[in-house]
Amino acid sequence: NIAKRIAIMERTSPDILKEIEGVLKEKLSSVA
């Protein structure tokens, strides 16, 4: 299912990327 989603993925909203990155950065205690 994940492989299929990668294959058919197109462009992603910068806002969505920013939100996901923020959550992951917080979990990893990293800044980028």
ModelCIF file with pLDDT and N, C-alpha, C, O atoms, coordinates in Angstrom:
data_MODEL
#
_entry.id   MODEL 
#
_entity.id                         1 
_entity.type                       polymer 
_entity.pdbx_number_of_molecules   1 
#
_entity_poly.entity_id                      1 
_entity_poly.type                           'polypeptide(L)' 
_entity_poly.nstd_linkage                   no 
_entity_poly.nstd_monomer                   no 
_entity_poly.pdbx_seq_one_letter_code       NIAKRIAIMERTSPDILKEIEGVLKEKLSSVA 
_entity_poly.pdbx_seq_one_letter_code_can   NIAKRIAIMERTSPDILKEIEGVLKEKLSSVA 
_entity_poly.pdbx_strand_id                 A 
#
loop_
_entity_poly_seq.entity_id 
_entity_poly_seq.num 
_entity_poly_seq.mon_id 
_entity_poly_seq.hetero 
1 1  ASN n 
1 2  ILE n 
1 3  ALA n 
1 4  LYS n 
1 5  ARG n 
1 6  ILE n 
1 7  ALA n 
1 8  ILE n 
1 9  MET n 
1 10 GLU n 
1 11 ARG n 
1 12 THR n 
1 13 SER n 
1 14 PRO n 
1 15 ASP n 
1 16 ILE n 
1 17 LEU n 
1 18 LYS n 
1 19 GLU n 
1 20 ILE n 
1 21 GLU n 
1 22 GLY n 
1 23 VAL n 
1 24 LEU n 
1 25 LYS n 
1 26 GLU n 
1 27 LYS n 
1 28 LEU n 
1 29 SER n 
1 30 SER n 
1 31 VAL n 
1 32 ALA n 
#
_struct_asym.id          A 
_struct_asym.entity_id   1 
#
loop_
_ma_qa_metric.id 
_ma_qa_metric.mode 
_ma_qa_metric.name 
_ma_qa_metric.software_group_id 
_ma_qa_metric.type 
1 global pLDDT . pLDDT 
2 local  pLDDT . pLDDT 
#
_ma_qa_metric_global.metric_id      1 
_ma_qa_metric_global.metric_value   73.88 
_ma_qa_metric_global.model_id       1 
_ma_qa_metric_global.ordinal_id     1 
#
loop_
_ma_qa_metric_local.label_asym_id 
_ma_qa_metric_local.label_comp_id 
_ma_qa_metric_local.label_seq_id 
_ma_qa_metric_local.metric_id 
_ma_qa_metric_local.metric_value 
_ma_qa_metric_local.model_id 
_ma_qa_metric_local.ordinal_id 
A ASN 1  2 90.00 1 1  
A ILE 2  2 90.00 1 2  
A ALA 3  2 91.00 1 3  
A LYS 4  2 90.00 1 4  
A ARG 5  2 88.00 1 5  
A ILE 6  2 88.00 1 6  
A ALA 7  2 88.00 1 7  
A ILE 8  2 87.00 1 8  
A MET 9  2 83.00 1 9  
A GLU 10 2 75.00 1 10 
A ARG 11 2 73.00 1 11 
A THR 12 2 72.00 1 12 
A SER 13 2 70.00 1 13 
A PRO 14 2 70.00 1 14 
A ASP 15 2 74.00 1 15 
A ILE 16 2 79.00 1 16 
A LEU 17 2 75.00 1 17 
A LYS 18 2 74.00 1 18 
A GLU 19 2 79.00 1 19 
A ILE 20 2 81.00 1 20 
A GLU 21 2 75.00 1 21 
A GLY 22 2 74.00 1 22 
A VAL 23 2 78.00 1 23 
A LEU 24 2 75.00 1 24 
A LYS 25 2 70.00 1 25 
A GLU 26 2 72.00 1 26 
A LYS 27 2 70.00 1 27 
A LEU 28 2 63.00 1 28 
A SER 29 2 57.00 1 29 
A SER 30 2 43.00 1 30 
A VAL 31 2 34.00 1 31 
A ALA 32 2 36.00 1 32 
#
loop_
_atom_site.group_PDB 
_atom_site.id 
_atom_site.type_symbol 
_atom_site.label_atom_id 
_atom_site.label_alt_id 
_atom_site.label_comp_id 
_atom_site.label_asym_id 
_atom_site.label_entity_id 
_atom_site.label_seq_id 
_atom_site.pdbx_PDB_ins_code 
_atom_site.Cartn_x 
_atom_site.Cartn_y 
_atom_site.Cartn_z 
_atom_site.occupancy 
_atom_site.B_iso_or_equiv 
_atom_site.pdbx_formal_charge 
_atom_site.auth_seq_id 
_atom_site.auth_comp_id 
_atom_site.auth_asym_id 
_atom_site.auth_atom_id 
_atom_site.pdbx_PDB_model_num 
ATOM 1   N N  . ASN A 1 1  ? 0.834  -1.201 0.000  1.00 90.00 ? 1  ASN A N  1 
ATOM 2   C CA . ASN A 1 1  ? 0.000  0.000  0.000  1.00 90.00 ? 1  ASN A CA 1 
ATOM 3   C C  . ASN A 1 1  ? 0.872  1.255  0.000  1.00 90.00 ? 1  ASN A C  1 
ATOM 4   O O  . ASN A 1 1  ? 0.590  2.218  -0.714 1.00 90.00 ? 1  ASN A O  1 
ATOM 5   N N  . ILE A 1 2  ? 1.926  1.234  0.802  1.00 90.00 ? 2  ILE A N  1 
ATOM 6   C CA . ILE A 1 2  ? 2.827  2.393  0.869  1.00 90.00 ? 2  ILE A CA 1 
ATOM 7   C C  . ILE A 1 2  ? 3.580  2.554  -0.453 1.00 90.00 ? 2  ILE A C  1 
ATOM 8   O O  . ILE A 1 2  ? 3.742  3.668  -0.952 1.00 90.00 ? 2  ILE A O  1 
ATOM 9   N N  . ALA A 1 3  ? 4.038  1.431  -1.015 1.00 91.00 ? 3  ALA A N  1 
ATOM 10  C CA . ALA A 1 3  ? 4.741  1.493  -2.304 1.00 91.00 ? 3  ALA A CA 1 
ATOM 11  C C  . ALA A 1 3  ? 3.842  2.091  -3.380 1.00 91.00 ? 3  ALA A C  1 
ATOM 12  O O  . ALA A 1 3  ? 4.292  2.898  -4.195 1.00 91.00 ? 3  ALA A O  1 
ATOM 13  N N  . LYS A 1 4  ? 2.568  1.694  -3.382 1.00 90.00 ? 4  LYS A N  1 
ATOM 14  C CA . LYS A 1 4  ? 1.628  2.236  -4.363 1.00 90.00 ? 4  LYS A CA 1 
ATOM 15  C C  . LYS A 1 4  ? 1.446  3.737  -4.165 1.00 90.00 ? 4  LYS A C  1 
ATOM 16  O O  . LYS A 1 4  ? 1.419  4.495  -5.134 1.00 90.00 ? 4  LYS A O  1 
ATOM 17  N N  . ARG A 1 5  ? 1.322  4.162  -2.916 1.00 88.00 ? 5  ARG A N  1 
ATOM 18  C CA . ARG A 1 5  ? 1.128  5.580  -2.649 1.00 88.00 ? 5  ARG A CA 1 
ATOM 19  C C  . ARG A 1 5  ? 2.330  6.415  -3.096 1.00 88.00 ? 5  ARG A C  1 
ATOM 20  O O  . ARG A 1 5  ? 2.166  7.543  -3.561 1.00 88.00 ? 5  ARG A O  1 
ATOM 21  N N  . ILE A 1 6  ? 3.546  5.855  -2.952 1.00 88.00 ? 6  ILE A N  1 
ATOM 22  C CA . ILE A 1 6  ? 4.733  6.557  -3.436 1.00 88.00 ? 6  ILE A CA 1 
ATOM 23  C C  . ILE A 1 6  ? 4.678  6.678  -4.953 1.00 88.00 ? 6  ILE A C  1 
ATOM 24  O O  . ILE A 1 6  ? 4.984  7.729  -5.517 1.00 88.00 ? 6  ILE A O  1 
ATOM 25  N N  . ALA A 1 7  ? 4.281  5.580  -5.607 1.00 88.00 ? 7  ALA A N  1 
ATOM 26  C CA . ALA A 1 7  ? 4.279  5.538  -7.064 1.00 88.00 ? 7  ALA A CA 1 
ATOM 27  C C  . ALA A 1 7  ? 3.307  6.543  -7.680 1.00 88.00 ? 7  ALA A C  1 
ATOM 28  O O  . ALA A 1 7  ? 3.605  7.134  -8.718 1.00 88.00 ? 7  ALA A O  1 
ATOM 29  N N  . ILE A 1 8  ? 2.156  6.741  -7.055 1.00 87.00 ? 8  ILE A N  1 
ATOM 30  C CA . ILE A 1 8  ? 1.137  7.622  -7.637 1.00 87.00 ? 8  ILE A CA 1 
ATOM 31  C C  . ILE A 1 8  ? 1.171  9.027  -7.039 1.00 87.00 ? 8  ILE A C  1 
ATOM 32  O O  . ILE A 1 8  ? 0.334  9.866  -7.370 1.00 87.00 ? 8  ILE A O  1 
ATOM 33  N N  . MET A 1 9  ? 2.129  9.277  -6.168 1.00 83.00 ? 9  MET A N  1 
ATOM 34  C CA . MET A 1 9  ? 2.227  10.584 -5.511 1.00 83.00 ? 9  MET A CA 1 
ATOM 35  C C  . MET A 1 9  ? 2.658  11.646 -6.499 1.00 83.00 ? 9  MET A C  1 
ATOM 36  O O  . MET A 1 9  ? 3.504  11.401 -7.359 1.00 83.00 ? 9  MET A O  1 
ATOM 37  N N  . GLU A 1 10 ? 2.081  12.818 -6.376 1.00 75.00 ? 10 GLU A N  1 
ATOM 38  C CA . GLU A 1 10 ? 2.483  13.940 -7.214 1.00 75.00 ? 10 GLU A CA 1 
ATOM 39  C C  . GLU A 1 10 ? 3.074  15.028 -6.327 1.00 75.00 ? 10 GLU A C  1 
ATOM 40  O O  . GLU A 1 10 ? 3.979  14.747 -5.541 1.00 75.00 ? 10 GLU A O  1 
ATOM 41  N N  . ARG A 1 11 ? 2.593  16.249 -6.430 1.00 73.00 ? 11 ARG A N  1 
ATOM 42  C CA . ARG A 1 11 ? 3.144  17.317 -5.598 1.00 73.00 ? 11 ARG A CA 1 
ATOM 43  C C  . ARG A 1 11 ? 2.387  17.405 -4.278 1.00 73.00 ? 11 ARG A C  1 
ATOM 44  O O  . ARG A 1 11 ? 1.203  17.080 -4.198 1.00 73.00 ? 11 ARG A O  1 
ATOM 45  N N  . THR A 1 12 ? 3.091  17.848 -3.256 1.00 72.00 ? 12 THR A N  1 
ATOM 46  C CA . THR A 1 12 ? 2.505  17.934 -1.917 1.00 72.00 ? 12 THR A CA 1 
ATOM 47  C C  . THR A 1 12 ? 2.523  19.372 -1.433 1.00 72.00 ? 12 THR A C  1 
ATOM 48  O O  . THR A 1 12 ? 3.485  20.104 -1.667 1.00 72.00 ? 12 THR A O  1 
ATOM 49  N N  . SER A 1 13 ? 1.463  19.771 -0.763 1.00 70.00 ? 13 SER A N  1 
ATOM 50  C CA . SER A 1 13 ? 1.354  21.132 -0.251 1.00 70.00 ? 13 SER A CA 1 
ATOM 51  C C  . SER A 1 13 ? 2.500  21.447 0.706  1.00 70.00 ? 13 SER A C  1 
ATOM 52  O O  . SER A 1 13 ? 2.794  20.644 1.591  1.00 70.00 ? 13 SER A O  1 
ATOM 53  N N  . PRO A 1 14 ? 3.150  22.595 0.548  1.00 70.00 ? 14 PRO A N  1 
ATOM 54  C CA . PRO A 1 14 ? 4.202  22.993 1.488  1.00 70.00 ? 14 PRO A CA 1 
ATOM 55  C C  . PRO A 1 14 ? 3.706  23.055 2.928  1.00 70.00 ? 14 PRO A C  1 
ATOM 56  O O  . PRO A 1 14 ? 4.462  22.770 3.856  1.00 70.00 ? 14 PRO A O  1 
ATOM 57  N N  . ASP A 1 15 ? 2.436  23.427 3.121  1.00 74.00 ? 15 ASP A N  1 
ATOM 58  C CA . ASP A 1 15 ? 1.890  23.507 4.482  1.00 74.00 ? 15 ASP A CA 1 
ATOM 59  C C  . ASP A 1 15 ? 1.844  22.127 5.134  1.00 74.00 ? 15 ASP A C  1 
ATOM 60  O O  . ASP A 1 15 ? 2.154  21.973 6.315  1.00 74.00 ? 15 ASP A O  1 
ATOM 61  N N  . ILE A 1 16 ? 1.455  21.129 4.346  1.00 79.00 ? 16 ILE A N  1 
ATOM 62  C CA . ILE A 1 16 ? 1.400  19.765 4.873  1.00 79.00 ? 16 ILE A CA 1 
ATOM 63  C C  . ILE A 1 16 ? 2.804  19.283 5.217  1.00 79.00 ? 16 ILE A C  1 
ATOM 64  O O  . ILE A 1 16 ? 3.031  18.706 6.280  1.00 79.00 ? 16 ILE A O  1 
ATOM 65  N N  . LEU A 1 17 ? 3.747  19.528 4.299  1.00 75.00 ? 17 LEU A N  1 
ATOM 66  C CA . LEU A 1 17 ? 5.132  19.134 4.562  1.00 75.00 ? 17 LEU A CA 1 
ATOM 67  C C  . LEU A 1 17 ? 5.658  19.805 5.835  1.00 75.00 ? 17 LEU A C  1 
ATOM 68  O O  . LEU A 1 17 ? 6.314  19.175 6.665  1.00 75.00 ? 17 LEU A O  1 
ATOM 69  N N  . LYS A 1 18 ? 5.358  21.075 5.961  1.00 74.00 ? 18 LYS A N  1 
ATOM 70  C CA . LYS A 1 18 ? 5.836  21.831 7.133  1.00 74.00 ? 18 LYS A CA 1 
ATOM 71  C C  . LYS A 1 18 ? 5.261  21.260 8.421  1.00 74.00 ? 18 LYS A C  1 
ATOM 72  O O  . LYS A 1 18 ? 5.961  21.142 9.426  1.00 74.00 ? 18 LYS A O  1 
ATOM 73  N N  . GLU A 1 19 ? 3.990  20.910 8.382  1.00 79.00 ? 19 GLU A N  1 
ATOM 74  C CA . GLU A 1 19 ? 3.345  20.369 9.578  1.00 79.00 ? 19 GLU A CA 1 
ATOM 75  C C  . GLU A 1 19 ? 3.947  19.021 9.971  1.00 79.00 ? 19 GLU A C  1 
ATOM 76  O O  . GLU A 1 19 ? 4.241  18.782 11.142 1.00 79.00 ? 19 GLU A O  1 
ATOM 77  N N  . ILE A 1 20 ? 4.130  18.138 8.975  1.00 81.00 ? 20 ILE A N  1 
ATOM 78  C CA . ILE A 1 20 ? 4.693  16.810 9.254  1.00 81.00 ? 20 ILE A CA 1 
ATOM 79  C C  . ILE A 1 20 ? 6.117  16.945 9.757  1.00 81.00 ? 20 ILE A C  1 
ATOM 80  O O  . ILE A 1 20 ? 6.503  16.288 10.723 1.00 81.00 ? 20 ILE A O  1 
ATOM 81  N N  . GLU A 1 21 ? 6.900  17.794 9.107  1.00 75.00 ? 21 GLU A N  1 
ATOM 82  C CA . GLU A 1 21 ? 8.279  17.993 9.543  1.00 75.00 ? 21 GLU A CA 1 
ATOM 83  C C  . GLU A 1 21 ? 8.340  18.497 10.981 1.00 75.00 ? 21 GLU A C  1 
ATOM 84  O O  . GLU A 1 21 ? 9.183  18.064 11.766 1.00 75.00 ? 21 GLU A O  1 
ATOM 85  N N  . GLY A 1 22 ? 7.443  19.410 11.315 1.00 74.00 ? 22 GLY A N  1 
ATOM 86  C CA . GLY A 1 22 ? 7.434  19.970 12.663 1.00 74.00 ? 22 GLY A CA 1 
ATOM 87  C C  . GLY A 1 22 ? 7.218  18.899 13.713 1.00 74.00 ? 22 GLY A C  1 
ATOM 88  O O  . GLY A 1 22 ? 7.877  18.891 14.753 1.00 74.00 ? 22 GLY A O  1 
ATOM 89  N N  . VAL A 1 23 ? 6.289  17.995 13.434 1.00 78.00 ? 23 VAL A N  1 
ATOM 90  C CA . VAL A 1 23 ? 6.004  16.915 14.379 1.00 78.00 ? 23 VAL A CA 1 
ATOM 91  C C  . VAL A 1 23 ? 7.217  16.000 14.523 1.00 78.00 ? 23 VAL A C  1 
ATOM 92  O O  . VAL A 1 23 ? 7.604  15.637 15.634 1.00 78.00 ? 23 VAL A O  1 
ATOM 93  N N  . LEU A 1 24 ? 7.810  15.633 13.392 1.00 75.00 ? 24 LEU A N  1 
ATOM 94  C CA . LEU A 1 24 ? 8.946  14.709 13.426 1.00 75.00 ? 24 LEU A CA 1 
ATOM 95  C C  . LEU A 1 24 ? 10.172 15.354 14.066 1.00 75.00 ? 24 LEU A C  1 
ATOM 96  O O  . LEU A 1 24 ? 10.908 14.701 14.806 1.00 75.00 ? 24 LEU A O  1 
ATOM 97  N N  . LYS A 1 25 ? 10.389 16.627 13.781 1.00 70.00 ? 25 LYS A N  1 
ATOM 98  C CA . LYS A 1 25 ? 11.515 17.332 14.402 1.00 70.00 ? 25 LYS A CA 1 
ATOM 99  C C  . LYS A 1 25 ? 11.379 17.349 15.921 1.00 70.00 ? 25 LYS A C  1 
ATOM 100 O O  . LYS A 1 25 ? 12.347 17.167 16.660 1.00 70.00 ? 25 LYS A O  1 
ATOM 101 N N  . GLU A 1 26 ? 10.164 17.571 16.352 1.00 72.00 ? 26 GLU A N  1 
ATOM 102 C CA . GLU A 1 26 ? 9.930  17.604 17.798 1.00 72.00 ? 26 GLU A CA 1 
ATOM 103 C C  . GLU A 1 26 ? 10.230 16.245 18.412 1.00 72.00 ? 26 GLU A C  1 
ATOM 104 O O  . GLU A 1 26 ? 10.832 16.160 19.482 1.00 72.00 ? 26 GLU A O  1 
ATOM 105 N N  . LYS A 1 27 ? 9.811  15.187 17.734 1.00 70.00 ? 27 LYS A N  1 
ATOM 106 C CA . LYS A 1 27 ? 10.059 13.839 18.251 1.00 70.00 ? 27 LYS A CA 1 
ATOM 107 C C  . LYS A 1 27 ? 11.550 13.520 18.278 1.00 70.00 ? 27 LYS A C  1 
ATOM 108 O O  . LYS A 1 27 ? 12.032 12.858 19.198 1.00 70.00 ? 27 LYS A O  1 
ATOM 109 N N  . LEU A 1 28 ? 12.261 13.982 17.289 1.00 63.00 ? 28 LEU A N  1 
ATOM 110 C CA . LEU A 1 28 ? 13.697 13.687 17.217 1.00 63.00 ? 28 LEU A CA 1 
ATOM 111 C C  . LEU A 1 28 ? 14.547 14.729 17.942 1.00 63.00 ? 28 LEU A C  1 
ATOM 112 O O  . LEU A 1 28 ? 15.769 14.607 18.030 1.00 63.00 ? 28 LEU A O  1 
ATOM 113 N N  . SER A 1 29 ? 13.875 15.750 18.456 1.00 57.00 ? 29 SER A N  1 
ATOM 114 C CA . SER A 1 29 ? 14.576 16.851 19.129 1.00 57.00 ? 29 SER A CA 1 
ATOM 115 C C  . SER A 1 29 ? 15.678 17.422 18.235 1.00 57.00 ? 29 SER A C  1 
ATOM 116 O O  . SER A 1 29 ? 16.810 17.639 18.667 1.00 57.00 ? 29 SER A O  1 
ATOM 117 N N  . SER A 1 30 ? 15.307 17.656 16.981 1.00 43.00 ? 30 SER A N  1 
ATOM 118 C CA . SER A 1 30 ? 16.266 18.154 16.010 1.00 43.00 ? 30 SER A CA 1 
ATOM 119 C C  . SER A 1 30 ? 15.698 19.396 15.350 1.00 43.00 ? 30 SER A C  1 
ATOM 120 O O  . SER A 1 30 ? 14.481 19.565 15.272 1.00 43.00 ? 30 SER A O  1 
ATOM 121 N N  . VAL A 1 31 ? 16.574 20.260 14.877 1.00 34.00 ? 31 VAL A N  1 
ATOM 122 C CA . VAL A 1 31 ? 16.147 21.488 14.215 1.00 34.00 ? 31 VAL A CA 1 
ATOM 123 C C  . VAL A 1 31 ? 16.712 21.483 12.797 1.00 34.00 ? 31 VAL A C  1 
ATOM 124 O O  . VAL A 1 31 ? 17.899 21.224 12.599 1.00 34.00 ? 31 VAL A O  1 
ATOM 125 N N  . ALA A 1 32 ? 15.861 21.769 11.813 1.00 36.00 ? 32 ALA A N  1 
ATOM 126 C CA . ALA A 1 32 ? 16.312 21.863 10.430 1.00 36.00 ? 32 ALA A CA 1 
ATOM 127 C C  . ALA A 1 32 ? 15.380 22.782 9.665  1.00 36.00 ? 32 ALA A C  1 
ATOM 128 O O  . ALA A 1 32 ? 15.576 23.005 8.470  1.00 36.00 ? 32 ALA A O  1 
#
